[in-house]
C-alpha atoms as a PDB file:
ATOM      1  CA  MET A   1       2.380 -15.449  22.036  1.00  0.00           C
ATOM      2  CA  GLU A   2       1.135 -18.006  19.542  1.00  0.00           C
ATOM      3  CA  ASN A   3      -2.494 -17.706  20.645  1.00  0.00           C
ATOM      4  CA  ASP A   4      -2.530 -13.924  20.102  1.00  0.00           C
ATOM      5  CA  ILE A   5      -3.785 -14.643  16.580  1.00  0.00           C
ATOM      6  CA  LEU A   6      -6.153 -17.566  16.011  1.00  0.00           C
ATOM      7  CA  TYR A   7      -6.474 -19.305  12.635  1.00  0.00           C
ATOM      8  CA  GLU A   8      -9.386 -21.687  12.107  1.00  0.00           C
ATOM      9  CA  HIS A   9     -10.497 -23.778   9.128  1.00  0.00           C
ATOM     10  CA  HIS A  10     -14.219 -23.868   8.302  1.00  0.00           C
ATOM     11  CA  GLY A  11     -14.567 -25.645   4.980  1.00  0.00           C
ATOM     12  CA  HIS A  12     -13.210 -23.254   2.357  1.00  0.00           C
ATOM     13  CA  VAL A  13     -13.426 -20.330   4.808  1.00  0.00           C
ATOM     14  CA  ARG A  14     -10.590 -19.318   7.125  1.00  0.00           C
ATOM     15  CA  LEU A  15     -11.420 -17.427  10.318  1.00  0.00           C
ATOM     16  CA  ILE A  16      -8.639 -15.151  11.589  1.00  0.00           C
ATOM     17  CA  THR A  17      -9.173 -13.719  15.076  1.00  0.00           C
ATOM     18  CA  ILE A  18      -7.044 -11.097  16.809  1.00  0.00           C
ATOM     19  CA  ASN A  19      -7.014 -12.560  20.317  1.00  0.00           C
ATOM     20  CA  ARG A  20      -5.634  -9.762  22.504  1.00  0.00           C
ATOM     21  CA  ALA A  21      -8.811  -8.495  24.163  1.00  0.00           C
ATOM     22  CA  ALA A  22      -6.943  -7.288  27.258  1.00  0.00           C
ATOM     23  CA  LYS A  23      -5.004  -4.942  24.944  1.00  0.00           C
ATOM     24  CA  MET A  24      -8.090  -3.940  22.912  1.00  0.00           C
ATOM     25  CA  ASN A  25      -6.811  -6.321  20.245  1.00  0.00           C
ATOM     26  CA  SER A  26      -3.930  -3.986  19.460  1.00  0.00           C
ATOM     27  CA  LEU A  27      -0.923  -5.541  17.762  1.00  0.00           C
ATOM     28  CA  ASP A  28       2.538  -5.716  19.215  1.00  0.00           C
ATOM     29  CA  PHE A  29       5.336  -6.707  16.855  1.00  0.00           C
ATOM     30  CA  ALA A  30       5.034 -10.434  17.637  1.00  0.00           C
ATOM     31  CA  ALA A  31       1.286 -10.456  16.903  1.00  0.00           C
ATOM     32  CA  HIS A  32       1.906  -8.526  13.699  1.00  0.00           C
ATOM     33  CA  GLU A  33       4.471 -11.103  12.603  1.00  0.00           C
ATOM     34  CA  LEU A  34       1.999 -13.912  13.310  1.00  0.00           C
ATOM     35  CA  MET A  35      -0.564 -12.208  11.090  1.00  0.00           C
ATOM     36  CA  VAL A  36       1.998 -11.817   8.317  1.00  0.00           C
ATOM     37  CA  GLU A  37       2.637 -15.572   8.380  1.00  0.00           C
ATOM     38  CA  ILE A  38      -1.072 -16.415   8.543  1.00  0.00           C
ATOM     39  CA  TRP A  39      -1.855 -14.329   5.466  1.00  0.00           C
ATOM     40  CA  ARG A  40       0.972 -16.039   3.606  1.00  0.00           C
ATOM     41  CA  GLU A  41      -0.442 -19.417   4.595  1.00  0.00           C
ATOM     42  CA  PHE A  42      -3.951 -18.388   3.554  1.00  0.00           C
ATOM     43  CA  ASN A  43      -2.758 -17.103   0.199  1.00  0.00           C
ATOM     44  CA  ALA A  44      -0.797 -20.281  -0.543  1.00  0.00           C
ATOM     45  CA  ASP A  45      -3.551 -22.699   0.532  1.00  0.00           C
ATOM     46  CA  ALA A  46      -5.478 -23.799  -2.560  1.00  0.00           C
ATOM     47  CA  ASP A  47      -8.338 -25.031  -0.364  1.00  0.00           C
ATOM     48  CA  ALA A  48      -8.764 -21.626   1.311  1.00  0.00           C
ATOM     49  CA  ARG A  49     -11.090 -19.404  -0.711  1.00  0.00           C
ATOM     50  CA  VAL A  50     -12.345 -16.698   1.664  1.00  0.00           C
ATOM     51  CA  ALA A  51     -11.023 -15.167   4.887  1.00  0.00           C
ATOM     52  CA  VAL A  52     -13.034 -13.635   7.729  1.00  0.00           C
ATOM     53  CA  LEU A  53     -11.120 -11.289  10.024  1.00  0.00           C
ATOM     54  CA  THR A  54     -12.410 -10.301  13.469  1.00  0.00           C
ATOM     55  CA  GLY A  55     -11.351  -9.566  17.035  1.00  0.00           C
ATOM     56  CA  THR A  56     -12.012 -11.304  20.339  1.00  0.00           C
ATOM     57  CA  GLY A  57     -14.686  -9.896  22.651  1.00  0.00           C
ATOM     58  CA  GLU A  58     -17.255  -7.158  22.177  1.00  0.00           C
ATOM     59  CA  ALA A  59     -15.126  -4.072  22.806  1.00  0.00           C
ATOM     60  CA  ALA A  60     -12.620  -3.923  19.970  1.00  0.00           C
ATOM     61  CA  PHE A  61     -11.937  -5.240  16.503  1.00  0.00           C
ATOM     62  CA  CYS A  62      -8.425  -3.833  16.626  1.00  0.00           C
ATOM     63  CA  ALA A  63      -7.102  -0.708  18.324  1.00  0.00           C
ATOM     64  CA  GLY A  64      -4.151  -0.584  15.938  1.00  0.00           C
ATOM     65  CA  ALA A  65      -0.478  -0.966  16.662  1.00  0.00           C
ATOM     66  CA  ASP A  66       0.708  -0.876  20.247  1.00  0.00           C
ATOM     67  CA  LEU A  67       2.063   2.662  20.567  1.00  0.00           C
ATOM     68  CA  LYS A  68       4.945   1.780  22.892  1.00  0.00           C
ATOM     69  CA  THR A  69       6.160  -1.525  21.470  1.00  0.00           C
ATOM     70  CA  TYR A  70       5.381  -1.081  17.766  1.00  0.00           C
ATOM     71  CA  THR A  71       4.570   2.436  16.549  1.00  0.00           C
ATOM     72  CA  MET A  72       7.254   4.481  18.303  1.00  0.00           C
ATOM     73  CA  PRO A  73      10.118   2.045  17.650  1.00  0.00           C
ATOM     74  CA  PHE A  74       9.217   1.955  13.951  1.00  0.00           C
ATOM     75  CA  ALA A  75       8.645   5.709  13.658  1.00  0.00           C
ATOM     76  CA  THR A  76      12.106   6.433  15.057  1.00  0.00           C
ATOM     77  CA  THR A  77      13.923   3.735  13.063  1.00  0.00           C
ATOM     78  CA  PRO A  78      16.667   5.118  10.766  1.00  0.00           C
ATOM     79  CA  ALA A  79      15.216   5.850   7.318  1.00  0.00           C
ATOM     80  CA  PRO A  80      16.996   3.067   5.356  1.00  0.00           C
ATOM     81  CA  GLU A  81      15.917   0.413   7.855  1.00  0.00           C
ATOM     82  CA  PHE A  82      12.368   1.822   7.964  1.00  0.00           C
ATOM     83  CA  THR A  83      12.169   1.610   4.178  1.00  0.00           C
ATOM     84  CA  ARG A  84      13.508  -1.938   4.057  1.00  0.00           C
ATOM     85  CA  VAL A  85      11.343  -3.400   6.820  1.00  0.00           C
ATOM     86  CA  TYR A  86       8.236  -1.242   6.722  1.00  0.00           C
ATOM     87  CA  THR A  87       7.759   0.646   3.450  1.00  0.00           C
ATOM     88  CA  ASN A  88       8.790  -2.396   1.432  1.00  0.00           C
ATOM     89  CA  GLY A  89       7.093  -4.845   3.820  1.00  0.00           C
ATOM     90  CA  PRO A  90       3.493  -6.078   4.075  1.00  0.00           C
ATOM     91  CA  GLY A  91       2.293  -3.301   6.412  1.00  0.00           C
ATOM     92  CA  LEU A  92       0.482  -3.590   9.727  1.00  0.00           C
ATOM     93  CA  GLY A  93      -1.341  -6.870  10.144  1.00  0.00           C
ATOM     94  CA  GLY A  94       0.236  -8.330   7.031  1.00  0.00           C
ATOM     95  CA  ILE A  95      -2.324  -7.050   4.499  1.00  0.00           C
ATOM     96  CA  THR A  96      -2.053  -3.271   4.308  1.00  0.00           C
ATOM     97  CA  ARG A  97       0.859  -2.915   1.875  1.00  0.00           C
ATOM     98  CA  ASN A  98       2.699  -4.878  -0.843  1.00  0.00           C
ATOM     99  CA  VAL A  99       0.512  -7.970  -0.484  1.00  0.00           C
ATOM    100  CA  ASN A 100      -1.210  -9.676  -3.398  1.00  0.00           C
ATOM    101  CA  VAL A 101      -4.089 -11.433  -1.644  1.00  0.00           C
ATOM    102  CA  PHE A 102      -6.819 -11.592  -4.272  1.00  0.00           C
ATOM    103  CA  LYS A 103      -9.052 -14.037  -2.427  1.00  0.00           C
ATOM    104  CA  PRO A 104     -12.037 -12.288  -0.788  1.00  0.00           C
ATOM    105  CA  ILE A 105     -11.524 -10.934   2.737  1.00  0.00           C
ATOM    106  CA  VAL A 106     -14.536 -10.051   4.900  1.00  0.00           C
ATOM    107  CA  GLY A 107     -14.132  -8.020   8.084  1.00  0.00           C
ATOM    108  CA  ALA A 108     -16.414  -8.612  11.084  1.00  0.00           C
ATOM    109  CA  ILE A 109     -15.832  -5.400  13.023  1.00  0.00           C
ATOM    110  CA  ASN A 110     -17.011  -6.129  16.551  1.00  0.00           C
ATOM    111  CA  GLY A 111     -16.031  -2.888  18.288  1.00  0.00           C
ATOM    112  CA  TYR A 112     -13.347  -0.224  18.049  1.00  0.00           C
ATOM    113  CA  ALA A 113     -11.477  -0.045  14.745  1.00  0.00           C
ATOM    114  CA  ILE A 114      -9.011   2.676  15.592  1.00  0.00           C
ATOM    115  CA  SER A 115      -5.973   3.988  13.690  1.00  0.00           C
ATOM    116  CA  GLY A 116      -4.072   0.937  12.427  1.00  0.00           C
ATOM    117  CA  GLY A 117      -7.077  -1.204  13.298  1.00  0.00           C
ATOM    118  CA  LEU A 118      -9.197   0.806  10.888  1.00  0.00           C
ATOM    119  CA  GLU A 119      -6.464   0.504   8.274  1.00  0.00           C
ATOM    120  CA  ILE A 120      -6.582  -3.280   8.627  1.00  0.00           C
ATOM    121  CA  ALA A 121     -10.374  -3.108   8.223  1.00  0.00           C
ATOM    122  CA  LEU A 122      -9.951  -0.969   5.102  1.00  0.00           C
ATOM    123  CA  ALA A 123      -7.767  -3.702   3.607  1.00  0.00           C
ATOM    124  CA  CYS A 124     -10.760  -6.061   3.791  1.00  0.00           C
ATOM    125  CA  ASP A 125     -12.953  -6.171   0.693  1.00  0.00           C
ATOM    126  CA  ILE A 126     -16.289  -6.223   2.520  1.00  0.00           C
ATOM    127  CA  ARG A 127     -16.993  -5.014   6.048  1.00  0.00           C
ATOM    128  CA  PHE A 128     -19.801  -5.829   8.481  1.00  0.00           C
ATOM    129  CA  CYS A 129     -19.911  -4.178  11.909  1.00  0.00           C
ATOM    130  CA  SER A 130     -21.792  -4.324  15.197  1.00  0.00           C
ATOM    131  CA  PRO A 131     -23.874  -1.323  16.379  1.00  0.00           C
ATOM    132  CA  ASN A 132     -21.264  -0.429  19.010  1.00  0.00           C
ATOM    133  CA  ALA A 133     -18.408  -0.244  16.506  1.00  0.00           C
ATOM    134  CA  GLU A 134     -16.438   2.989  16.384  1.00  0.00           C
ATOM    135  CA  PHE A 135     -14.028   4.094  13.696  1.00  0.00           C
ATOM    136  CA  GLY A 136     -11.235   6.618  13.948  1.00  0.00           C
ATOM    137  CA  LEU A 137      -7.798   7.648  12.745  1.00  0.00           C
ATOM    138  CA  GLN A 138      -6.357   9.253  15.848  1.00  0.00           C
ATOM    139  CA  ASP A 139      -2.766   9.536  14.636  1.00  0.00           C
ATOM    140  CA  VAL A 140      -2.921  13.342  14.351  1.00  0.00           C
ATOM    141  CA  ARG A 141      -3.496  13.462  18.108  1.00  0.00           C
ATOM    142  CA  TRP A 142      -0.042  11.957  18.670  1.00  0.00           C
ATOM    143  CA  GLY A 143       1.978  13.720  15.975  1.00  0.00           C
ATOM    144  CA  PHE A 144       1.654  11.163  13.169  1.00  0.00           C
ATOM    145  CA  HIS A 145      -0.671  10.633  10.267  1.00  0.00           C
ATOM    146  CA  ALA A 146      -1.927   7.236   9.127  1.00  0.00           C
ATOM    147  CA  CYS A 147       0.642   5.216   7.184  1.00  0.00           C
ATOM    148  CA  ASP A 148      -0.887   1.788   6.558  1.00  0.00           C
ATOM    149  CA  GLY A 149      -3.276   2.641   3.777  1.00  0.00           C
ATOM    150  CA  ALA A 150      -5.886   4.983   5.264  1.00  0.00           C
ATOM    151  CA  LEU A 151      -4.750   8.065   3.348  1.00  0.00           C
ATOM    152  CA  ILE A 152      -5.141   6.086   0.136  1.00  0.00           C
ATOM    153  CA  ARG A 153      -7.956   3.580   0.692  1.00  0.00           C
ATOM    154  CA  LEU A 154     -10.335   5.655   2.792  1.00  0.00           C
ATOM    155  CA  ARG A 155     -10.841   8.356   0.163  1.00  0.00           C
ATOM    156  CA  GLU A 156     -11.686   5.683  -2.413  1.00  0.00           C
ATOM    157  CA  ILE A 157     -14.210   3.987  -0.133  1.00  0.00           C
ATOM    158  CA  ILE A 158     -16.075   6.937   1.408  1.00  0.00           C
ATOM    159  CA  GLY A 159     -15.048   9.900  -0.740  1.00  0.00           C
ATOM    160  CA  LEU A 160     -12.557  12.691  -0.222  1.00  0.00           C
ATOM    161  CA  GLY A 161     -14.740  14.928   1.950  1.00  0.00           C
ATOM    162  CA  HIS A 162     -15.648  12.279   4.524  1.00  0.00           C
ATOM    163  CA  ALA A 163     -12.078  10.954   4.475  1.00  0.00           C
ATOM    164  CA  MET A 164     -10.697  14.420   5.172  1.00  0.00           C
ATOM    165  CA  GLU A 165     -13.096  14.794   8.101  1.00  0.00           C
ATOM    166  CA  MET A 166     -11.938  11.537   9.656  1.00  0.00           C
ATOM    167  CA  ILE A 167      -8.222  11.906   8.991  1.00  0.00           C
ATOM    168  CA  LEU A 168      -7.724  15.574   9.872  1.00  0.00           C
ATOM    169  CA  SER A 169      -9.883  15.603  13.015  1.00  0.00           C
ATOM    170  CA  GLY A 170      -8.693  12.430  14.709  1.00  0.00           C
ATOM    171  CA  ASP A 171     -12.270  12.010  15.952  1.00  0.00           C
ATOM    172  CA  ARG A 172     -14.198   8.764  16.359  1.00  0.00           C
ATOM    173  CA  PHE A 173     -17.252   8.003  14.239  1.00  0.00           C
ATOM    174  CA  ASP A 174     -20.093   5.617  14.970  1.00  0.00           C
ATOM    175  CA  ALA A 175     -21.556   2.673  13.065  1.00  0.00           C
ATOM    176  CA  GLU A 176     -24.328   4.773  11.522  1.00  0.00           C
ATOM    177  CA  PHE A 177     -21.769   7.154  10.021  1.00  0.00           C
ATOM    178  CA  ALA A 178     -19.809   4.169   8.727  1.00  0.00           C
ATOM    179  CA  TYR A 179     -22.885   2.670   7.081  1.00  0.00           C
ATOM    180  CA  ARG A 180     -24.105   5.988   5.664  1.00  0.00           C
ATOM    181  CA  THR A 181     -20.740   6.735   4.050  1.00  0.00           C
ATOM    182  CA  GLY A 182     -20.156   3.214   2.721  1.00  0.00           C
ATOM    183  CA  LEU A 183     -17.343   2.403   5.114  1.00  0.00           C
ATOM    184  CA  VAL A 184     -19.269  -0.730   6.129  1.00  0.00           C
ATOM    185  CA  ASN A 185     -21.716  -2.805   4.087  1.00  0.00           C
ATOM    186  CA  ARG A 186     -23.965  -3.905   6.953  1.00  0.00           C
ATOM    187  CA  ILE A 187     -24.656  -3.249  10.622  1.00  0.00           C
ATOM    188  CA  VAL A 188     -25.428  -6.521  12.418  1.00  0.00           C
ATOM    189  CA  GLU A 189     -26.347  -7.102  16.056  1.00  0.00           C
ATOM    190  CA  GLN A 190     -23.293  -8.106  18.078  1.00  0.00           C
ATOM    191  CA  SER A 191     -24.628 -11.590  18.868  1.00  0.00           C
ATOM    192  CA  GLU A 192     -25.226 -12.268  15.164  1.00  0.00           C
ATOM    193  CA  LEU A 193     -22.215 -10.498  13.695  1.00  0.00           C
ATOM    194  CA  LEU A 194     -19.818 -13.412  13.413  1.00  0.00           C
ATOM    195  CA  PRO A 195     -22.468 -16.025  12.473  1.00  0.00           C
ATOM    196  CA  GLU A 196     -23.862 -13.770   9.742  1.00  0.00           C
ATOM    197  CA  THR A 197     -20.398 -12.910   8.479  1.00  0.00           C
ATOM    198  CA  MET A 198     -19.414 -16.575   8.359  1.00  0.00           C
ATOM    199  CA  THR A 199     -22.623 -17.459   6.513  1.00  0.00           C
ATOM    200  CA  TYR A 200     -21.901 -14.723   4.002  1.00  0.00           C
ATOM    201  CA  ALA A 201     -18.304 -15.932   3.622  1.00  0.00           C
ATOM    202  CA  GLU A 202     -19.532 -19.468   3.000  1.00  0.00           C
ATOM    203  CA  LYS A 203     -21.742 -18.114   0.221  1.00  0.00           C
ATOM    204  CA  LEU A 204     -18.744 -16.358  -1.309  1.00  0.00           C
ATOM    205  CA  ALA A 205     -16.761 -19.582  -1.025  1.00  0.00           C
ATOM    206  CA  SER A 206     -19.400 -21.391  -3.093  1.00  0.00           C
ATOM    207  CA  ARG A 207     -18.822 -19.091  -6.073  1.00  0.00           C
ATOM    208  CA  ALA A 208     -16.167 -19.565  -8.748  1.00  0.00           C
ATOM    209  CA  PRO A 209     -12.889 -18.789  -6.950  1.00  0.00           C
ATOM    210  CA  LEU A 210     -10.772 -18.092 -10.026  1.00  0.00           C
ATOM    211  CA  ALA A 211     -13.372 -15.653 -11.331  1.00  0.00           C
ATOM    212  CA  GLN A 212     -13.558 -13.926  -7.939  1.00  0.00           C
ATOM    213  CA  GLN A 213      -9.803 -13.594  -7.637  1.00  0.00           C
ATOM    214  CA  LEU A 214      -9.354 -12.229 -11.145  1.00  0.00           C
ATOM    215  CA  ALA A 215     -12.255  -9.807 -10.680  1.00  0.00           C
ATOM    216  CA  LYS A 216     -10.729  -8.493  -7.449  1.00  0.00           C
ATOM    217  CA  GLU A 217      -7.307  -8.218  -9.053  1.00  0.00           C
ATOM    218  CA  VAL A 218      -8.690  -6.288 -12.022  1.00  0.00           C
ATOM    219  CA  MET A 219     -10.540  -3.862  -9.742  1.00  0.00           C
ATOM    220  CA  TYR A 220      -7.386  -3.136  -7.761  1.00  0.00           C
ATOM    221  CA  ARG A 221      -4.815  -3.264 -10.570  1.00  0.00           C
ATOM    222  CA  THR A 222      -6.699  -0.954 -12.917  1.00  0.00           C
ATOM    223  CA  HIS A 223      -7.121   1.858 -10.423  1.00  0.00           C
ATOM    224  CA  GLY A 224      -5.476   4.970 -11.813  1.00  0.00           C
ATOM    225  CA  LEU A 225      -5.325   3.700 -15.390  1.00  0.00           C
ATOM    226  CA  THR A 226      -7.172   5.373 -18.235  1.00  0.00           C
ATOM    227  CA  MET A 227     -10.632   4.018 -19.024  1.00  0.00           C
ATOM    228  CA  ASP A 228      -9.402   2.406 -22.247  1.00  0.00           C
ATOM    229  CA  GLU A 229      -6.465   0.735 -20.480  1.00  0.00           C
ATOM    230  CA  ALA A 230      -8.682  -0.549 -17.679  1.00  0.00           C
ATOM    231  CA  LEU A 231     -11.363  -1.884 -20.026  1.00  0.00           C
ATOM    232  CA  ARG A 232      -8.744  -3.740 -22.058  1.00  0.00           C
ATOM    233  CA  ILE A 233      -7.392  -5.450 -18.923  1.00  0.00           C
ATOM    234  CA  GLU A 234     -10.937  -6.364 -17.868  1.00  0.00           C
ATOM    235  CA  SER A 235     -11.609  -7.963 -21.260  1.00  0.00           C
ATOM    236  CA  LEU A 236      -8.347  -9.924 -21.272  1.00  0.00           C
ATOM    237  CA  SER A 237      -9.024 -11.168 -17.745  1.00  0.00           C
ATOM    238  CA  PHE A 238     -12.508 -12.303 -18.793  1.00  0.00           C
ATOM    239  CA  ARG A 239     -11.069 -14.281 -21.710  1.00  0.00           C
ATOM    240  CA  SER A 240      -8.473 -15.953 -19.497  1.00  0.00           C
ATOM    241  CA  LEU A 241     -11.305 -17.814 -17.731  1.00  0.00           C
ATOM    242  CA  ALA A 242     -12.642 -19.329 -20.949  1.00  0.00           C
ATOM    243  CA  ASP A 243     -10.709 -22.586 -20.760  1.00  0.00           C
ATOM    244  CA  THR A 244     -11.141 -23.260 -17.044  1.00  0.00           C
ATOM    245  CA  GLU A 245     -12.933 -26.274 -15.628  1.00  0.00           C
ATOM    246  CA  ASP A 246     -14.951 -23.899 -13.467  1.00  0.00           C
ATOM    247  CA  LEU A 247     -16.481 -22.190 -16.493  1.00  0.00           C
ATOM    248  CA  ALA A 248     -17.430 -25.558 -17.979  1.00  0.00           C
ATOM    249  CA  GLU A 249     -18.985 -26.573 -14.654  1.00  0.00           C
ATOM    250  CA  GLY A 250     -20.873 -23.291 -14.428  1.00  0.00           C
ATOM    251  CA  ASN A 251     -22.283 -23.764 -17.912  1.00  0.00           C
ATOM    252  CA  LEU A 252     -23.244 -27.386 -17.204  1.00  0.00           C
ATOM    253  CA  SER A 253     -24.879 -26.553 -13.882  1.00  0.00           C
ATOM    254  CA  PHE A 254     -26.932 -23.822 -15.558  1.00  0.00           C
ATOM    255  CA  ARG A 255     -28.229 -26.282 -18.161  1.00  0.00           C
ATOM    256  CA  GLU A 256     -28.924 -28.908 -15.505  1.00  0.00           C
ATOM    257  CA  LYS A 257     -30.612 -26.342 -13.225  1.00  0.00           C
ATOM    258  CA  ARG A 258     -28.452 -27.105 -10.191  1.00  0.00           C
ATOM    259  CA  ASP A 259     -25.881 -25.311  -8.059  1.00  0.00           C
ATOM    260  CA  ALA A 260     -22.395 -25.351  -9.501  1.00  0.00           C
ATOM    261  CA  VAL A 261     -19.608 -27.159  -7.661  1.00  0.00           C
ATOM    262  CA  PHE A 262     -16.453 -25.234  -8.422  1.00  0.00           C
ATOM    263  CA  ARG A 263     -12.972 -26.705  -8.013  1.00  0.00           C
ATOM    264  CA  GLY A 264     -10.849 -23.646  -8.597  1.00  0.00           C
ATOM    265  CA  LYS A 265      -9.366 -25.063 -11.786  1.00  0.00           C
END
């Protein structure tokens, strides 16, 4: 259904809401496809600078892929078709694999972030959560392991030891664990979670968008390179901003002692 995923414009911020509370905001294939299209629209929209991703209600951010209508059909798909559609596709929720979205993405995790739902959260750059949020990768309970980024991203975010504990046990972990390990940046009361996240996103949207996007790209693209290779890419990226209108505006606003008004040019 079209209203399973909501897409709202708030200035330069785009609010994406998984609107399937009756299903714990899990994704069936149709909802997944809607998210794929929304991320493409967000990425192509020059006026969109920051995305906030959340779920409807106070119980769940996203409980992952619907086991019956999404996970099992994909898991049992013949290997060539699986590779074409899934391995080479954008992953669950449209942002977990093969997607070059370098605009900032902030997750407002309002409840359960389980299995694929946690993997979608891990694909966000910054994560805030409510005190009742729970995090888990339960795939090993059903005969799978995570396949939308958790085996790769989680170890980088919280370290190998904590990642092993989460992935191999299939247990759920609370908001305090998430904050202590760096899985989330803030714990915010449920009633204030979305307002605070939107306020933070609006602050991000006021910064130089080209600089943000290149910085994010460098951080992701240089992972796994040697230090010398990574530092060279960082330096070249820095220089590529030298002739932008945004840099000139930033310099002028500093001299005039005012807030910069960036145009993304």
